[in-house]
Amino acid sequence: MRKILIVGATSAMAEACARLWAQRGDQLYLAARNAKQLQSVVDDLKARGAQHVEGQVFDANQFDQHAALLANATRFMGGLDTVLIAHGTLSDQDRAQADVAYALGEIATNGTSVVSIMTLAGEQLAQQGRGAIAVISSVAGDRGRQSNYVYGSAKALVSAFASGQRQRLSKKGVHVITIKPGFVDTPMTAHLKKGALWAKPDQVARDISQAIDKGRAIVYTPGFWRWIMLIIKHIPEMVFIKISL
């Protein structure tokens, strides 16, 4: 039985993970900003038979709340061995190009707030000598592209931080897993046109759960995104600046 903290628990991918873990009897502590949506997720999990689930209203941009969140989760579950960090926003690139305050706020939400939670969780798990941190980054962090480079730069920060933390904490019995989804059909992307490359949250959740269980390092989900991004990363810069992505 895992003791799992999910940050950003009302996101479609995180909620799908929570359902998987509740079905197998894991203990869950859910954190999210929207109180009504959070309670709906908690109630749904309990209706499905979850025995050990609790929710806490939490704003990831309130950095002084991060340590208390970990303490509350540990207290409720009598320990903590797994952290899934799934909160974030889909940045408005056009607005970010003209509004510095908005751009920095998006980087804080999608980047530095994640780093803060990873740092605190990493030290707690390292002290006990075991555990896993899974963080949802994005394929958008693999190369800055004109269509979403503010969002992508925040995710690049998360991926680079996870890489270094993984190397360091692997020696202390802690696995750090970087999750890189491609296009996922969620309420956050409802306004976007869907196509063949889009995945459902349940598919992504299965990949996340398996990655944690197997102690994998970097997971593209669906898997074909690894090869798509390999191509994009290796387009020569002189060619890349002339195309639209």
Protein backbone atom coordinates (compact mmCIF):
# COMPACT_ATOMS: atom_id res chain seq x y z
CA MET A 1 0.00 0.00 0.00
CA ARG A 2 1.49 3.32 -1.07
CA LYS A 3 0.98 6.57 0.82
CA ILE A 4 0.57 9.12 -1.96
CA LEU A 5 0.37 12.90 -2.00
CA ILE A 6 -1.11 14.29 -5.21
CA VAL A 7 -0.58 18.01 -5.83
CA GLY A 8 -2.95 19.39 -8.44
CA ALA A 9 -5.38 16.55 -7.79
CA THR A 10 -8.25 18.06 -9.78
CA SER A 11 -6.34 17.92 -13.06
CA ALA A 12 -7.71 15.24 -15.36
CA MET A 13 -4.47 13.23 -15.39
CA ALA A 14 -4.06 13.39 -11.62
CA GLU A 15 -7.68 12.43 -11.01
CA ALA A 16 -7.28 9.43 -13.30
CA CYS A 17 -4.18 8.40 -11.33
CA ALA A 18 -6.09 8.76 -8.06
CA ARG A 19 -8.80 6.41 -9.30
CA LEU A 20 -6.22 3.77 -10.24
CA TRP A 21 -4.48 4.01 -6.88
CA ALA A 22 -7.70 4.08 -4.87
CA GLN A 23 -8.84 0.87 -6.58
CA ARG A 24 -5.74 -0.97 -5.42
CA GLY A 25 -6.06 0.30 -1.85
CA ASP A 26 -3.41 3.03 -1.70
CA GLN A 27 -3.80 5.89 0.77
CA LEU A 28 -4.29 9.28 -0.86
CA TYR A 29 -3.88 12.88 0.22
CA LEU A 30 -5.17 15.25 -2.44
CA ALA A 31 -4.26 18.92 -2.78
CA ALA A 32 -5.85 21.39 -5.19
CA ARG A 33 -6.81 25.05 -5.40
CA ASN A 34 -10.52 24.76 -6.21
CA ALA A 35 -12.36 23.61 -3.08
CA LYS A 36 -15.55 22.54 -4.88
CA GLN A 37 -13.76 20.48 -7.51
CA LEU A 38 -11.48 18.95 -4.89
CA GLN A 39 -14.41 17.83 -2.77
CA SER A 40 -16.04 16.35 -5.86
CA VAL A 41 -12.93 14.24 -6.53
CA VAL A 42 -12.73 13.10 -2.90
CA ASP A 43 -16.43 12.17 -2.86
CA ASP A 44 -16.09 10.26 -6.14
CA LEU A 45 -13.15 8.24 -4.82
CA LYS A 46 -15.01 7.40 -1.62
CA ALA A 47 -18.05 6.34 -3.67
CA ARG A 48 -15.74 3.99 -5.57
CA GLY A 49 -14.69 2.39 -2.27
CA ALA A 50 -11.58 4.34 -1.33
CA GLN A 51 -10.95 3.88 2.38
CA HIS A 52 -8.08 6.30 2.96
CA VAL A 53 -8.50 9.62 1.15
CA GLU A 54 -8.40 13.23 2.31
CA GLY A 55 -8.30 16.59 0.57
CA GLN A 56 -6.69 19.94 1.32
CA VAL A 57 -7.33 23.22 -0.45
CA PHE A 58 -3.91 24.38 -1.59
CA ASP A 59 -2.53 27.12 -3.82
CA ALA A 60 0.89 26.13 -5.15
CA ASN A 61 1.82 29.78 -5.63
CA GLN A 62 1.66 30.28 -1.87
CA PHE A 63 5.17 29.01 -1.30
CA ASP A 64 4.92 29.33 2.47
CA GLN A 65 2.21 26.62 2.43
CA HIS A 66 4.41 23.95 0.85
CA ALA A 67 6.05 22.58 3.98
CA ALA A 68 2.73 22.47 5.82
CA LEU A 69 1.17 20.48 2.96
CA LEU A 70 3.81 17.78 3.23
CA ALA A 71 3.45 17.71 7.00
CA ASN A 72 -0.35 17.40 6.79
CA ALA A 73 -0.17 14.59 4.24
CA THR A 74 2.40 12.70 6.31
CA ARG A 75 0.32 13.10 9.45
CA PHE A 76 -2.93 11.94 7.83
CA MET A 77 -1.43 8.85 6.20
CA GLY A 78 1.03 8.02 8.94
CA GLY A 79 3.88 8.44 6.50
CA LEU A 80 4.62 9.43 2.91
CA ASP A 81 6.39 7.47 0.20
CA THR A 82 5.10 8.84 -3.12
CA VAL A 83 4.49 12.36 -4.40
CA LEU A 84 2.83 13.17 -7.71
CA ILE A 85 3.16 16.83 -8.72
CA ALA A 86 0.57 17.56 -11.38
CA HIS A 87 -0.54 21.16 -10.94
CA GLY A 88 -0.16 23.76 -13.64
CA THR A 89 -1.78 26.01 -16.21
CA LEU A 90 -1.74 26.18 -19.99
CA SER A 91 -0.18 29.57 -20.62
CA ASP A 92 -1.57 32.10 -23.09
CA GLN A 93 1.52 32.68 -25.22
CA ASP A 94 0.19 35.83 -26.92
CA ARG A 95 -0.58 37.46 -23.59
CA ALA A 96 2.76 36.42 -22.13
CA GLN A 97 4.61 38.10 -24.97
CA ALA A 98 3.17 41.49 -24.00
CA ASP A 99 2.65 41.13 -20.24
CA VAL A 100 5.81 40.48 -18.24
CA ALA A 101 3.96 40.04 -14.93
CA TYR A 102 1.71 37.39 -16.48
CA ALA A 103 4.67 35.59 -18.05
CA LEU A 104 6.55 35.46 -14.76
CA GLY A 105 3.42 34.29 -12.96
CA GLU A 106 3.05 31.43 -15.42
CA ILE A 107 6.68 30.44 -14.92
CA ALA A 108 6.12 30.50 -11.16
CA THR A 109 3.02 28.30 -11.40
CA ASN A 110 4.45 25.82 -13.87
CA GLY A 111 8.10 25.99 -12.86
CA THR A 112 9.38 27.42 -9.61
CA SER A 113 6.45 26.27 -7.45
CA VAL A 114 7.11 22.75 -8.71
CA VAL A 115 10.80 23.07 -7.85
CA SER A 116 9.88 24.18 -4.32
CA ILE A 117 7.67 21.16 -3.68
CA MET A 118 10.18 18.78 -5.25
CA THR A 119 12.92 20.17 -3.02
CA LEU A 120 10.95 19.72 0.19
CA ALA A 121 9.61 16.30 -0.79
CA GLY A 122 13.04 15.15 -1.92
CA GLU A 123 14.65 15.98 1.40
CA GLN A 124 11.89 14.28 3.39
CA LEU A 125 12.06 11.09 1.35
CA ALA A 126 15.87 11.10 1.37
CA GLN A 127 15.89 11.26 5.16
CA GLN A 128 13.76 8.13 5.35
CA GLY A 129 15.83 6.43 2.65
CA ARG A 130 13.04 5.53 0.23
CA GLY A 131 10.25 6.95 -1.88
CA ALA A 132 9.32 8.32 -5.28
CA ILE A 133 8.62 11.74 -6.75
CA ALA A 134 6.79 11.84 -10.08
CA VAL A 135 6.53 15.26 -11.70
CA ILE A 136 4.49 16.10 -14.76
CA SER A 137 6.67 18.11 -17.12
CA SER A 138 5.82 18.22 -20.84
CA VAL A 139 7.21 17.56 -24.29
CA ALA A 140 6.98 21.36 -24.61
CA GLY A 141 10.08 21.59 -22.43
CA ASP A 142 12.25 19.69 -24.87
CA ARG A 143 12.70 22.67 -27.21
CA GLY A 144 11.42 26.20 -27.10
CA ARG A 145 8.89 26.81 -29.87
CA GLN A 146 7.20 30.06 -30.86
CA SER A 147 3.74 28.70 -30.11
CA ASN A 148 4.34 28.07 -26.38
CA TYR A 149 7.83 29.02 -25.25
CA VAL A 150 6.74 30.61 -21.96
CA TYR A 151 5.00 27.40 -20.89
CA GLY A 152 7.80 25.35 -22.44
CA SER A 153 10.52 27.24 -20.59
CA ALA A 154 8.85 26.50 -17.26
CA LYS A 155 8.64 22.83 -18.16
CA ALA A 156 12.27 22.83 -19.30
CA LEU A 157 13.17 24.10 -15.82
CA VAL A 158 11.20 21.25 -14.25
CA SER A 159 12.81 18.62 -16.48
CA ALA A 160 16.35 19.89 -15.82
CA PHE A 161 15.74 20.12 -12.08
CA ALA A 162 14.30 16.60 -12.02
CA SER A 163 17.34 15.29 -13.89
CA GLY A 164 19.74 16.66 -11.32
CA GLN A 165 17.60 15.68 -8.37
CA ARG A 166 17.21 12.17 -9.78
CA GLN A 167 20.97 11.75 -10.04
CA ARG A 168 21.51 12.95 -6.47
CA LEU A 169 18.62 11.18 -4.74
CA SER A 170 19.09 7.86 -6.52
CA LYS A 171 21.98 7.31 -4.13
CA LYS A 172 19.59 7.77 -1.21
CA GLY A 173 16.89 5.32 -2.31
CA VAL A 174 14.56 7.91 -3.86
CA HIS A 175 13.31 7.65 -7.45
CA VAL A 176 12.53 10.84 -9.36
CA ILE A 177 10.38 10.29 -12.44
CA THR A 178 9.91 12.91 -15.16
CA ILE A 179 6.59 12.53 -16.96
CA LYS A 180 6.42 14.15 -20.39
CA PRO A 181 2.90 14.04 -21.83
CA GLY A 182 2.13 15.19 -25.33
CA PHE A 183 -1.35 16.38 -26.25
CA VAL A 184 -3.90 15.21 -23.67
CA ASP A 185 -7.65 15.65 -24.02
CA THR A 186 -8.54 17.45 -20.78
CA PRO A 187 -10.76 20.37 -19.77
CA MET A 188 -7.65 22.59 -19.93
CA THR A 189 -7.28 21.79 -23.65
CA ALA A 190 -10.99 21.74 -24.48
CA HIS A 191 -10.64 24.78 -26.75
CA LEU A 192 -8.03 23.10 -28.96
CA LYS A 193 -8.77 21.02 -32.03
CA LYS A 194 -8.10 17.32 -31.41
CA GLY A 195 -6.37 14.90 -33.76
CA ALA A 196 -4.61 11.55 -33.99
CA LEU A 197 -1.80 12.53 -31.63
CA TRP A 198 -4.12 13.21 -28.70
CA ALA A 199 -4.33 10.87 -25.71
CA LYS A 200 -6.95 10.37 -23.01
CA PRO A 201 -6.16 11.01 -19.33
CA ASP A 202 -6.72 7.35 -18.41
CA GLN A 203 -3.99 6.26 -20.82
CA VAL A 204 -1.56 8.80 -19.38
CA ALA A 205 -2.48 7.74 -15.83
CA ARG A 206 -1.62 4.12 -16.58
CA ASP A 207 1.77 5.20 -17.91
CA ILE A 208 2.42 7.33 -14.81
CA SER A 209 1.43 4.54 -12.42
CA GLN A 210 3.61 1.98 -14.20
CA ALA A 211 6.55 4.39 -14.28
CA ILE A 212 6.36 4.91 -10.52
CA ASP A 213 5.98 1.19 -9.81
CA LYS A 214 8.94 0.32 -12.04
CA GLY A 215 11.15 3.20 -10.93
CA ARG A 216 11.61 4.56 -14.44
CA ALA A 217 13.44 7.83 -15.05
CA ILE A 218 11.86 9.65 -18.02
CA VAL A 219 8.53 8.70 -19.53
CA TYR A 220 7.01 10.12 -22.69
CA THR A 221 3.28 9.47 -22.83
CA PRO A 222 2.06 8.21 -25.20
CA GLY A 223 5.42 6.66 -26.03
CA PHE A 224 5.55 7.83 -29.64
CA TRP A 225 6.25 11.39 -28.41
CA ARG A 226 9.81 10.34 -27.61
CA TRP A 227 10.48 9.94 -31.34
CA ILE A 228 8.56 13.06 -32.36
CA MET A 229 10.55 15.19 -29.94
CA LEU A 230 13.81 13.51 -30.94
CA ILE A 231 13.22 14.79 -34.46
CA ILE A 232 12.17 18.27 -33.31
CA LYS A 233 15.19 18.61 -31.01
CA HIS A 234 17.58 17.78 -33.86
CA ILE A 235 16.24 20.17 -36.49
CA PRO A 236 19.14 22.54 -37.23
CA GLU A 237 18.57 26.01 -35.77
CA MET A 238 18.86 27.75 -39.14
CA VAL A 239 16.01 25.57 -40.40
CA PHE A 240 14.05 25.65 -37.15
CA ILE A 241 13.70 29.45 -37.06
CA LYS A 242 12.07 29.43 -40.50
CA ILE A 243 9.30 26.95 -39.71
CA SER A 244 6.16 27.27 -37.60
CA LEU A 245 5.72 24.91 -34.65
